Amino acid sequence: MKPSASDVPQRLSDFDIELRLLLEAIYLKYQHDFRHYAMSSLRRRLTQALDEFNVETLSQLQDRIMRDGNEFSRLFRYLTVQVSDMFRDPSYFRALREHVLPRLRTYPSIKVWVAGCSTGEELWSLKILFDEEGLTERTLFYATDINPDALARAEAGIYALERIQGFTQNYLAAGGTRSLSDYYHAAYGGARFAGSLKERVVFADHSLSTDEVFLEAHLVSCRNVLIYFDRGLQDRALGLFENALVRRGFLGLGSKESLRFSRHYPAFDEFRAAERIYQKR
């Protein structure tokens, strides 16, 4: 009996076979699980890594990182995406200001989880927003990421001066009530946003692939992270957010992300659908 098309294993390229072996090796050696990240994105980034490491194949790259932890640290930045802006998608932050924060204001204390905080631009945007709405003193922020270098940069809060004009435009479009320059000063050849904003912020290593819920949150903001996961890992992450949120808590996703096709969709209402803000039922 001739097997059906579904019974025949999909033929993989040598590159894809080596990619899967590399991800498995990383998981076994370093306990970082990238096996359920979107393959198309990993292919592109690891192709770039071959040039950086001056090797021809992923097998050669695997040999390097298995023998030298410092080489794995170099590779780590290719496995995680560190692209962000302050007040990215200003309508999202305006919707938080106008529709979500008035509801959070009813709580005596508030916890916010910025999951996949990268180099901190979204965290500081939220801190500024909460400060302008008078909620800083009763809010505790948790900023998490799997990349220790990104966490260190987020905590430092220093960004290139040439990025400030774009940050400022986004801030004003998001409904900023002051001047963005009130929140930073020039230092170390860049603009430093930390200072008083750093208060009531906890930075922590956390993997959406392998770790569990560690807090009860009123707002979870995880934007432009799920697009790098496959469907199974997306559902795992969304399950963490659902479990972390208090009843009627809020979840914010990126402009190209949605709960609609997730198994967790029934647990949420589309609070501000256009801005990808959901409220737990």
C-alpha atoms as a PDB file:
ATOM      1  CA  MET A   1       0.000   0.000   0.000  1.00  0.00           C
ATOM      2  CA  LYS A   2       1.438   3.317  -1.064  1.00  0.00           C
ATOM      3  CA  PRO A   3       1.793   5.793   1.854  1.00  0.00           C
ATOM      4  CA  SER A   4      -0.185   9.006   1.710  1.00  0.00           C
ATOM      5  CA  ALA A   5       1.560  12.367   1.376  1.00  0.00           C
ATOM      6  CA  SER A   6       0.977  13.048   5.075  1.00  0.00           C
ATOM      7  CA  ASP A   7       2.842   9.832   5.998  1.00  0.00           C
ATOM      8  CA  VAL A   8       5.981  10.809   4.112  1.00  0.00           C
ATOM      9  CA  PRO A   9       8.469  12.782   6.233  1.00  0.00           C
ATOM     10  CA  GLN A  10       9.070  16.267   4.934  1.00  0.00           C
ATOM     11  CA  ARG A  11      12.450  16.507   3.232  1.00  0.00           C
ATOM     12  CA  LEU A  12      14.628  19.031   5.012  1.00  0.00           C
ATOM     13  CA  SER A  13      17.571  20.925   3.621  1.00  0.00           C
ATOM     14  CA  ASP A  14      21.000  20.298   5.115  1.00  0.00           C
ATOM     15  CA  PHE A  15      20.814  23.769   6.652  1.00  0.00           C
ATOM     16  CA  ASP A  16      17.502  23.021   8.389  1.00  0.00           C
ATOM     17  CA  ILE A  17      18.788  19.694   9.697  1.00  0.00           C
ATOM     18  CA  GLU A  18      21.876  21.377  11.104  1.00  0.00           C
ATOM     19  CA  LEU A  19      19.698  24.154  12.536  1.00  0.00           C
ATOM     20  CA  ARG A  20      17.542  21.702  14.462  1.00  0.00           C
ATOM     21  CA  LEU A  21      20.631  19.906  15.763  1.00  0.00           C
ATOM     22  CA  LEU A  22      22.155  23.226  16.824  1.00  0.00           C
ATOM     23  CA  LEU A  23      19.035  24.265  18.755  1.00  0.00           C
ATOM     24  CA  GLU A  24      18.879  20.867  20.464  1.00  0.00           C
ATOM     25  CA  ALA A  25      22.543  21.143  21.427  1.00  0.00           C
ATOM     26  CA  ILE A  26      21.996  24.630  22.863  1.00  0.00           C
ATOM     27  CA  TYR A  27      19.077  23.371  24.932  1.00  0.00           C
ATOM     28  CA  LEU A  28      21.022  20.387  26.301  1.00  0.00           C
ATOM     29  CA  LYS A  29      24.236  22.322  26.955  1.00  0.00           C
ATOM     30  CA  TYR A  30      22.999  25.740  28.083  1.00  0.00           C
ATOM     31  CA  GLN A  31      19.296  25.142  28.982  1.00  0.00           C
ATOM     32  CA  HIS A  32      18.103  27.874  26.619  1.00  0.00           C
ATOM     33  CA  ASP A  33      15.219  26.587  24.537  1.00  0.00           C
ATOM     34  CA  PHE A  34      14.941  28.083  21.048  1.00  0.00           C
ATOM     35  CA  ARG A  35      13.479  24.937  19.487  1.00  0.00           C
ATOM     36  CA  HIS A  36      10.037  26.472  19.099  1.00  0.00           C
ATOM     37  CA  TYR A  37      11.066  29.834  17.744  1.00  0.00           C
ATOM     38  CA  ALA A  38       9.920  30.704  14.226  1.00  0.00           C
ATOM     39  CA  MET A  39      12.266  28.887  11.850  1.00  0.00           C
ATOM     40  CA  SER A  40      12.139  31.527   9.125  1.00  0.00           C
ATOM     41  CA  SER A  41      13.499  34.161  11.487  1.00  0.00           C
ATOM     42  CA  LEU A  42      16.175  31.849  12.902  1.00  0.00           C
ATOM     43  CA  ARG A  43      17.335  30.877   9.410  1.00  0.00           C
ATOM     44  CA  ARG A  44      17.868  34.501   8.500  1.00  0.00           C
ATOM     45  CA  ARG A  45      19.696  35.440  11.689  1.00  0.00           C
ATOM     46  CA  LEU A  46      21.906  32.365  11.820  1.00  0.00           C
ATOM     47  CA  THR A  47      22.884  32.817   8.196  1.00  0.00           C
ATOM     48  CA  GLN A  48      24.237  36.195   9.283  1.00  0.00           C
ATOM     49  CA  ALA A  49      25.984  34.526  12.226  1.00  0.00           C
ATOM     50  CA  LEU A  50      27.956  32.276   9.869  1.00  0.00           C
ATOM     51  CA  ASP A  51      29.711  35.347   8.483  1.00  0.00           C
ATOM     52  CA  GLU A  52      30.311  36.762  11.963  1.00  0.00           C
ATOM     53  CA  PHE A  53      31.941  33.522  13.123  1.00  0.00           C
ATOM     54  CA  ASN A  54      33.769  32.947   9.835  1.00  0.00           C
ATOM     55  CA  VAL A  55      32.414  29.416   9.393  1.00  0.00           C
ATOM     56  CA  GLU A  56      30.681  27.775   6.454  1.00  0.00           C
ATOM     57  CA  THR A  57      28.142  25.538   8.193  1.00  0.00           C
ATOM     58  CA  LEU A  58      25.992  25.453  11.307  1.00  0.00           C
ATOM     59  CA  SER A  59      27.741  22.213  12.266  1.00  0.00           C
ATOM     60  CA  GLN A  60      31.017  24.099  12.480  1.00  0.00           C
ATOM     61  CA  LEU A  61      29.271  26.803  14.507  1.00  0.00           C
ATOM     62  CA  GLN A  62      27.814  24.160  16.812  1.00  0.00           C
ATOM     63  CA  ASP A  63      31.280  22.740  17.439  1.00  0.00           C
ATOM     64  CA  ARG A  64      32.503  26.211  18.421  1.00  0.00           C
ATOM     65  CA  ILE A  65      29.738  27.002  20.886  1.00  0.00           C
ATOM     66  CA  MET A  66      29.769  23.534  22.469  1.00  0.00           C
ATOM     67  CA  ARG A  67      33.449  23.881  23.314  1.00  0.00           C
ATOM     68  CA  ASP A  68      33.454  27.532  24.378  1.00  0.00           C
ATOM     69  CA  GLY A  69      30.800  29.257  26.468  1.00  0.00           C
ATOM     70  CA  ASN A  70      32.117  32.652  25.420  1.00  0.00           C
ATOM     71  CA  GLU A  71      31.361  31.757  21.813  1.00  0.00           C
ATOM     72  CA  PHE A  72      27.808  30.893  22.821  1.00  0.00           C
ATOM     73  CA  SER A  73      27.493  34.296  24.481  1.00  0.00           C
ATOM     74  CA  ARG A  74      28.500  35.859  21.160  1.00  0.00           C
ATOM     75  CA  LEU A  75      25.898  33.787  19.343  1.00  0.00           C
ATOM     76  CA  PHE A  76      23.148  34.672  21.827  1.00  0.00           C
ATOM     77  CA  ARG A  77      22.450  38.053  20.245  1.00  0.00           C
ATOM     78  CA  TYR A  78      21.621  36.328  16.966  1.00  0.00           C
ATOM     79  CA  LEU A  79      19.111  34.069  18.682  1.00  0.00           C
ATOM     80  CA  THR A  80      17.207  36.892  20.377  1.00  0.00           C
ATOM     81  CA  VAL A  81      15.776  39.938  18.643  1.00  0.00           C
ATOM     82  CA  GLN A  82      16.638  43.271  20.263  1.00  0.00           C
ATOM     83  CA  VAL A  83      14.624  45.773  18.228  1.00  0.00           C
ATOM     84  CA  SER A  84      12.522  48.374  20.002  1.00  0.00           C
ATOM     85  CA  ASP A  85      11.669  52.062  20.291  1.00  0.00           C
ATOM     86  CA  MET A  86      10.284  54.254  23.011  1.00  0.00           C
ATOM     87  CA  PHE A  87       6.506  54.624  22.660  1.00  0.00           C
ATOM     88  CA  ARG A  88       6.566  52.343  19.622  1.00  0.00           C
ATOM     89  CA  ASP A  89       3.086  52.345  18.043  1.00  0.00           C
ATOM     90  CA  PRO A  90       1.983  55.506  19.893  1.00  0.00           C
ATOM     91  CA  SER A  91      -1.715  54.621  19.654  1.00  0.00           C
ATOM     92  CA  TYR A  92      -1.064  51.686  21.996  1.00  0.00           C
ATOM     93  CA  PHE A  93       0.321  53.951  24.706  1.00  0.00           C
ATOM     94  CA  ARG A  94      -2.409  56.522  24.153  1.00  0.00           C
ATOM     95  CA  ALA A  95      -5.006  53.771  24.611  1.00  0.00           C
ATOM     96  CA  LEU A  96      -3.306  52.705  27.844  1.00  0.00           C
ATOM     97  CA  ARG A  97      -3.342  56.305  29.064  1.00  0.00           C
ATOM     98  CA  GLU A  98      -6.951  57.022  28.144  1.00  0.00           C
ATOM     99  CA  HIS A  99      -8.675  53.672  28.714  1.00  0.00           C
ATOM    100  CA  VAL A 100      -6.581  51.266  30.800  1.00  0.00           C
ATOM    101  CA  LEU A 101      -4.913  53.424  33.439  1.00  0.00           C
ATOM    102  CA  PRO A 102      -8.225  54.945  34.620  1.00  0.00           C
ATOM    103  CA  ARG A 103      -9.277  51.388  35.526  1.00  0.00           C
ATOM    104  CA  LEU A 104      -5.952  50.470  37.099  1.00  0.00           C
ATOM    105  CA  ARG A 105      -6.268  53.623  39.192  1.00  0.00           C
ATOM    106  CA  THR A 106      -8.996  51.889  41.218  1.00  0.00           C
ATOM    107  CA  TYR A 107      -6.459  49.418  42.688  1.00  0.00           C
ATOM    108  CA  PRO A 108      -4.531  50.364  45.851  1.00  0.00           C
ATOM    109  CA  SER A 109      -1.391  48.787  44.364  1.00  0.00           C
ATOM    110  CA  ILE A 110      -0.519  47.758  40.823  1.00  0.00           C
ATOM    111  CA  LYS A 111       1.920  45.268  39.299  1.00  0.00           C
ATOM    112  CA  VAL A 112       3.072  45.505  35.690  1.00  0.00           C
ATOM    113  CA  TRP A 113       4.984  42.789  33.868  1.00  0.00           C
ATOM    114  CA  VAL A 114       6.990  43.858  30.801  1.00  0.00           C
ATOM    115  CA  ALA A 115       7.761  40.446  29.301  1.00  0.00           C
ATOM    116  CA  GLY A 116      10.572  40.283  26.773  1.00  0.00           C
ATOM    117  CA  CYS A 117      11.667  43.785  27.724  1.00  0.00           C
ATOM    118  CA  SER A 118      14.710  43.680  25.418  1.00  0.00           C
ATOM    119  CA  THR A 119      16.874  46.780  25.941  1.00  0.00           C
ATOM    120  CA  GLY A 120      14.234  48.614  27.964  1.00  0.00           C
ATOM    121  CA  GLU A 121      12.595  51.128  25.635  1.00  0.00           C
ATOM    122  CA  GLU A 122       9.082  49.875  26.361  1.00  0.00           C
ATOM    123  CA  LEU A 123       9.741  49.695  30.087  1.00  0.00           C
ATOM    124  CA  TRP A 124      10.837  53.329  30.323  1.00  0.00           C
ATOM    125  CA  SER A 125       7.914  54.357  28.117  1.00  0.00           C
ATOM    126  CA  LEU A 126       5.518  52.738  30.569  1.00  0.00           C
ATOM    127  CA  LYS A 127       7.314  54.248  33.549  1.00  0.00           C
ATOM    128  CA  ILE A 128       6.941  57.725  32.036  1.00  0.00           C
ATOM    129  CA  LEU A 129       3.288  57.080  31.253  1.00  0.00           C
ATOM    130  CA  PHE A 130       2.504  55.907  34.795  1.00  0.00           C
ATOM    131  CA  ASP A 131       4.469  58.835  36.230  1.00  0.00           C
ATOM    132  CA  GLU A 132       2.442  61.366  34.254  1.00  0.00           C
ATOM    133  CA  GLU A 133      -0.782  59.728  35.393  1.00  0.00           C
ATOM    134  CA  GLY A 134       0.276  59.840  39.045  1.00  0.00           C
ATOM    135  CA  LEU A 135       0.519  56.063  39.498  1.00  0.00           C
ATOM    136  CA  THR A 136       4.257  55.574  39.966  1.00  0.00           C
ATOM    137  CA  GLU A 137       4.245  55.387  43.762  1.00  0.00           C
ATOM    138  CA  ARG A 138       1.765  52.531  43.881  1.00  0.00           C
ATOM    139  CA  THR A 139       3.081  50.539  40.890  1.00  0.00           C
ATOM    140  CA  LEU A 140       5.789  47.884  40.844  1.00  0.00           C
ATOM    141  CA  PHE A 141       7.282  46.988  37.463  1.00  0.00           C
ATOM    142  CA  TYR A 142       8.851  43.654  36.552  1.00  0.00           C
ATOM    143  CA  ALA A 143      11.029  43.738  33.429  1.00  0.00           C
ATOM    144  CA  THR A 144      12.121  40.327  32.170  1.00  0.00           C
ATOM    145  CA  ASP A 145      14.135  38.923  29.275  1.00  0.00           C
ATOM    146  CA  ILE A 146      16.287  35.883  28.556  1.00  0.00           C
ATOM    147  CA  ASN A 147      19.236  37.920  27.308  1.00  0.00           C
ATOM    148  CA  PRO A 148      21.458  39.126  30.187  1.00  0.00           C
ATOM    149  CA  ASP A 149      23.194  41.699  27.998  1.00  0.00           C
ATOM    150  CA  ALA A 150      19.836  43.176  26.975  1.00  0.00           C
ATOM    151  CA  LEU A 151      18.736  43.310  30.627  1.00  0.00           C
ATOM    152  CA  ALA A 152      21.930  45.143  31.567  1.00  0.00           C
ATOM    153  CA  ARG A 153      21.341  47.678  28.790  1.00  0.00           C
ATOM    154  CA  ALA A 154      17.719  48.071  29.866  1.00  0.00           C
ATOM    155  CA  GLU A 155      18.753  48.760  33.444  1.00  0.00           C
ATOM    156  CA  ALA A 156      21.346  51.296  32.301  1.00  0.00           C
ATOM    157  CA  GLY A 157      18.695  53.115  30.249  1.00  0.00           C
ATOM    158  CA  ILE A 158      21.232  54.733  27.918  1.00  0.00           C
ATOM    159  CA  TYR A 159      20.351  55.232  24.235  1.00  0.00           C
ATOM    160  CA  ALA A 160      22.081  56.871  21.304  1.00  0.00           C
ATOM    161  CA  LEU A 161      21.360  60.577  20.956  1.00  0.00           C
ATOM    162  CA  GLU A 162      20.353  60.167  17.308  1.00  0.00           C
ATOM    163  CA  ARG A 163      17.377  58.078  18.432  1.00  0.00           C
ATOM    164  CA  ILE A 164      15.942  60.806  20.667  1.00  0.00           C
ATOM    165  CA  GLN A 165      14.132  62.682  17.897  1.00  0.00           C
ATOM    166  CA  GLY A 166      12.154  59.560  17.004  1.00  0.00           C
ATOM    167  CA  PHE A 167      11.473  58.830  20.668  1.00  0.00           C
ATOM    168  CA  THR A 168      10.199  62.376  21.129  1.00  0.00           C
ATOM    169  CA  GLN A 169       7.852  62.190  18.144  1.00  0.00           C
ATOM    170  CA  ASN A 170       6.395  58.930  19.433  1.00  0.00           C
ATOM    171  CA  TYR A 171       6.044  60.348  22.947  1.00  0.00           C
ATOM    172  CA  LEU A 172       4.053  63.349  21.746  1.00  0.00           C
ATOM    173  CA  ALA A 173       1.865  61.177  19.490  1.00  0.00           C
ATOM    174  CA  ALA A 174       1.195  58.931  22.491  1.00  0.00           C
ATOM    175  CA  GLY A 175      -0.249  61.882  24.424  1.00  0.00           C
ATOM    176  CA  GLY A 176       2.812  62.896  26.426  1.00  0.00           C
ATOM    177  CA  THR A 177       2.037  65.815  28.717  1.00  0.00           C
ATOM    178  CA  ARG A 178       5.551  67.140  29.289  1.00  0.00           C
ATOM    179  CA  SER A 179       8.816  67.315  27.388  1.00  0.00           C
ATOM    180  CA  LEU A 180      10.601  64.012  26.956  1.00  0.00           C
ATOM    181  CA  SER A 181      13.832  65.807  27.828  1.00  0.00           C
ATOM    182  CA  ASP A 182      12.517  66.049  31.406  1.00  0.00           C
ATOM    183  CA  TYR A 183      13.197  62.319  31.734  1.00  0.00           C
ATOM    184  CA  TYR A 184      16.773  62.027  30.538  1.00  0.00           C
ATOM    185  CA  HIS A 185      20.107  63.769  30.597  1.00  0.00           C
ATOM    186  CA  ALA A 186      23.091  63.510  28.297  1.00  0.00           C
ATOM    187  CA  ALA A 187      25.672  61.073  29.627  1.00  0.00           C
ATOM    188  CA  TYR A 188      28.241  58.623  28.310  1.00  0.00           C
ATOM    189  CA  GLY A 189      27.777  59.936  24.793  1.00  0.00           C
ATOM    190  CA  GLY A 190      24.053  59.158  24.875  1.00  0.00           C
ATOM    191  CA  ALA A 191      20.769  59.960  26.605  1.00  0.00           C
ATOM    192  CA  ARG A 192      20.310  58.319  30.009  1.00  0.00           C
ATOM    193  CA  PHE A 193      16.702  57.619  31.009  1.00  0.00           C
ATOM    194  CA  ALA A 194      17.190  55.849  34.312  1.00  0.00           C
ATOM    195  CA  GLY A 195      17.601  58.081  37.391  1.00  0.00           C
ATOM    196  CA  SER A 196      14.370  58.368  39.352  1.00  0.00           C
ATOM    197  CA  LEU A 197      12.575  56.230  36.756  1.00  0.00           C
ATOM    198  CA  LYS A 198      14.631  53.295  37.979  1.00  0.00           C
ATOM    199  CA  GLU A 199      12.779  53.188  41.284  1.00  0.00           C
ATOM    200  CA  ARG A 200      10.220  50.413  41.785  1.00  0.00           C
ATOM    201  CA  VAL A 201      11.576  48.343  38.879  1.00  0.00           C
ATOM    202  CA  VAL A 202      12.725  44.731  39.223  1.00  0.00           C
ATOM    203  CA  PHE A 203      14.873  43.305  36.408  1.00  0.00           C
ATOM    204  CA  ALA A 204      14.954  39.517  36.117  1.00  0.00           C
ATOM    205  CA  ASP A 205      15.973  36.709  33.792  1.00  0.00           C
ATOM    206  CA  HIS A 206      12.848  34.874  32.639  1.00  0.00           C
ATOM    207  CA  SER A 207      12.205  32.578  29.680  1.00  0.00           C
ATOM    208  CA  LEU A 208       8.754  32.321  28.154  1.00  0.00           C
ATOM    209  CA  SER A 209       9.885  28.959  26.739  1.00  0.00           C
ATOM    210  CA  THR A 210      10.779  27.205  29.981  1.00  0.00           C
ATOM    211  CA  ASP A 211       9.929  29.279  33.081  1.00  0.00           C
ATOM    212  CA  GLU A 212       6.638  29.593  34.943  1.00  0.00           C
ATOM    213  CA  VAL A 213       4.503  32.424  36.328  1.00  0.00           C
ATOM    214  CA  PHE A 214       6.210  34.307  39.154  1.00  0.00           C
ATOM    215  CA  LEU A 215       3.763  37.136  39.975  1.00  0.00           C
ATOM    216  CA  GLU A 216       0.166  38.315  39.963  1.00  0.00           C
ATOM    217  CA  ALA A 217      -0.090  41.231  37.525  1.00  0.00           C
ATOM    218  CA  HIS A 218      -2.667  43.856  36.640  1.00  0.00           C
ATOM    219  CA  LEU A 219      -1.073  44.601  33.274  1.00  0.00           C
ATOM    220  CA  VAL A 220       1.130  42.388  31.113  1.00  0.00           C
ATOM    221  CA  SER A 221       2.765  44.106  28.162  1.00  0.00           C
ATOM    222  CA  CYS A 222       4.525  41.730  25.767  1.00  0.00           C
ATOM    223  CA  ARG A 223       4.844  43.375  22.390  1.00  0.00           C
ATOM    224  CA  ASN A 224       6.514  42.101  19.232  1.00  0.00           C
ATOM    225  CA  VAL A 225       7.815  38.980  20.943  1.00  0.00           C
ATOM    226  CA  LEU A 226       5.239  36.334  19.995  1.00  0.00           C
ATOM    227  CA  ILE A 227       5.869  36.901  16.277  1.00  0.00           C
ATOM    228  CA  TYR A 228       9.205  35.091  16.758  1.00  0.00           C
ATOM    229  CA  PHE A 229       7.538  31.980  18.286  1.00  0.00           C
ATOM    230  CA  ASP A 230       5.795  29.055  16.631  1.00  0.00           C
ATOM    231  CA  ARG A 231       2.114  28.441  17.445  1.00  0.00           C
ATOM    232  CA  GLY A 232       2.826  26.049  20.308  1.00  0.00           C
ATOM    233  CA  LEU A 233       5.209  28.416  22.059  1.00  0.00           C
ATOM    234  CA  GLN A 234       2.841  31.332  21.492  1.00  0.00           C
ATOM    235  CA  ASP A 235       0.139  29.383  23.307  1.00  0.00           C
ATOM    236  CA  ARG A 236       2.531  28.582  26.155  1.00  0.00           C
ATOM    237  CA  ALA A 237       3.446  32.243  26.603  1.00  0.00           C
ATOM    238  CA  LEU A 238      -0.172  33.385  26.424  1.00  0.00           C
ATOM    239  CA  GLY A 239      -1.028  30.757  29.040  1.00  0.00           C
ATOM    240  CA  LEU A 240       1.569  32.283  31.344  1.00  0.00           C
ATOM    241  CA  PHE A 241       0.056  35.720  30.844  1.00  0.00           C
ATOM    242  CA  GLU A 242      -3.468  34.437  31.481  1.00  0.00           C
ATOM    243  CA  ASN A 243      -2.346  32.763  34.715  1.00  0.00           C
ATOM    244  CA  ALA A 244      -0.410  35.827  35.836  1.00  0.00           C
ATOM    245  CA  LEU A 245      -3.219  38.320  35.338  1.00  0.00           C
ATOM    246  CA  VAL A 246      -5.722  39.172  38.021  1.00  0.00           C
ATOM    247  CA  ARG A 247      -9.382  38.970  37.138  1.00  0.00           C
ATOM    248  CA  ARG A 248     -10.162  41.829  34.702  1.00  0.00           C
ATOM    249  CA  GLY A 249      -6.428  42.449  34.245  1.00  0.00           C
ATOM    250  CA  PHE A 250      -5.061  43.682  30.921  1.00  0.00           C
ATOM    251  CA  LEU A 251      -2.807  42.156  28.271  1.00  0.00           C
ATOM    252  CA  GLY A 252      -1.100  44.237  25.587  1.00  0.00           C
ATOM    253  CA  LEU A 253       0.390  42.653  22.453  1.00  0.00           C
ATOM    254  CA  GLY A 254       2.196  43.996  19.393  1.00  0.00           C
ATOM    255  CA  SER A 255       0.414  45.441  16.370  1.00  0.00           C
ATOM    256  CA  LYS A 256       1.028  42.262  14.323  1.00  0.00           C
ATOM    257  CA  GLU A 257       0.062  39.871  17.118  1.00  0.00           C
ATOM    258  CA  SER A 258      -3.344  38.602  18.157  1.00  0.00           C
ATOM    259  CA  LEU A 259      -5.121  36.366  20.625  1.00  0.00           C
ATOM    260  CA  ARG A 260      -7.794  35.511  18.104  1.00  0.00           C
ATOM    261  CA  PHE A 261      -6.380  32.174  16.950  1.00  0.00           C
ATOM    262  CA  SER A 262      -5.042  31.092  20.329  1.00  0.00           C
ATOM    263  CA  ARG A 263      -6.696  28.552  22.583  1.00  0.00           C
ATOM    264  CA  HIS A 264      -6.596  31.255  25.272  1.00  0.00           C
ATOM    265  CA  TYR A 265      -8.817  33.621  23.296  1.00  0.00           C
ATOM    266  CA  PRO A 266     -12.028  32.595  25.164  1.00  0.00           C
ATOM    267  CA  ALA A 267     -10.466  33.801  28.430  1.00  0.00           C
ATOM    268  CA  PHE A 268     -10.250  37.405  27.205  1.00  0.00           C
ATOM    269  CA  ASP A 269     -12.377  40.236  25.880  1.00  0.00           C
ATOM    270  CA  GLU A 270     -11.083  42.492  23.121  1.00  0.00           C
ATOM    271  CA  PHE A 271     -10.872  45.659  25.177  1.00  0.00           C
ATOM    272  CA  ARG A 272      -9.248  47.838  22.506  1.00  0.00           C
ATOM    273  CA  ALA A 273      -8.996  45.568  19.486  1.00  0.00           C
ATOM    274  CA  ALA A 274      -7.213  48.006  17.177  1.00  0.00           C
ATOM    275  CA  GLU A 275      -4.415  48.493  19.715  1.00  0.00           C
ATOM    276  CA  ARG A 276      -4.267  44.763  20.630  1.00  0.00           C
ATOM    277  CA  ILE A 277      -5.272  45.342  24.234  1.00  0.00           C
ATOM    278  CA  TYR A 278      -7.254  42.529  25.861  1.00  0.00           C
ATOM    279  CA  GLN A 279      -8.965  42.211  29.233  1.00  0.00           C
ATOM    280  CA  LYS A 280      -9.124  38.954  31.154  1.00  0.00           C
ATOM    281  CA  ARG A 281     -12.663  37.785  31.813  1.00  0.00           C
END
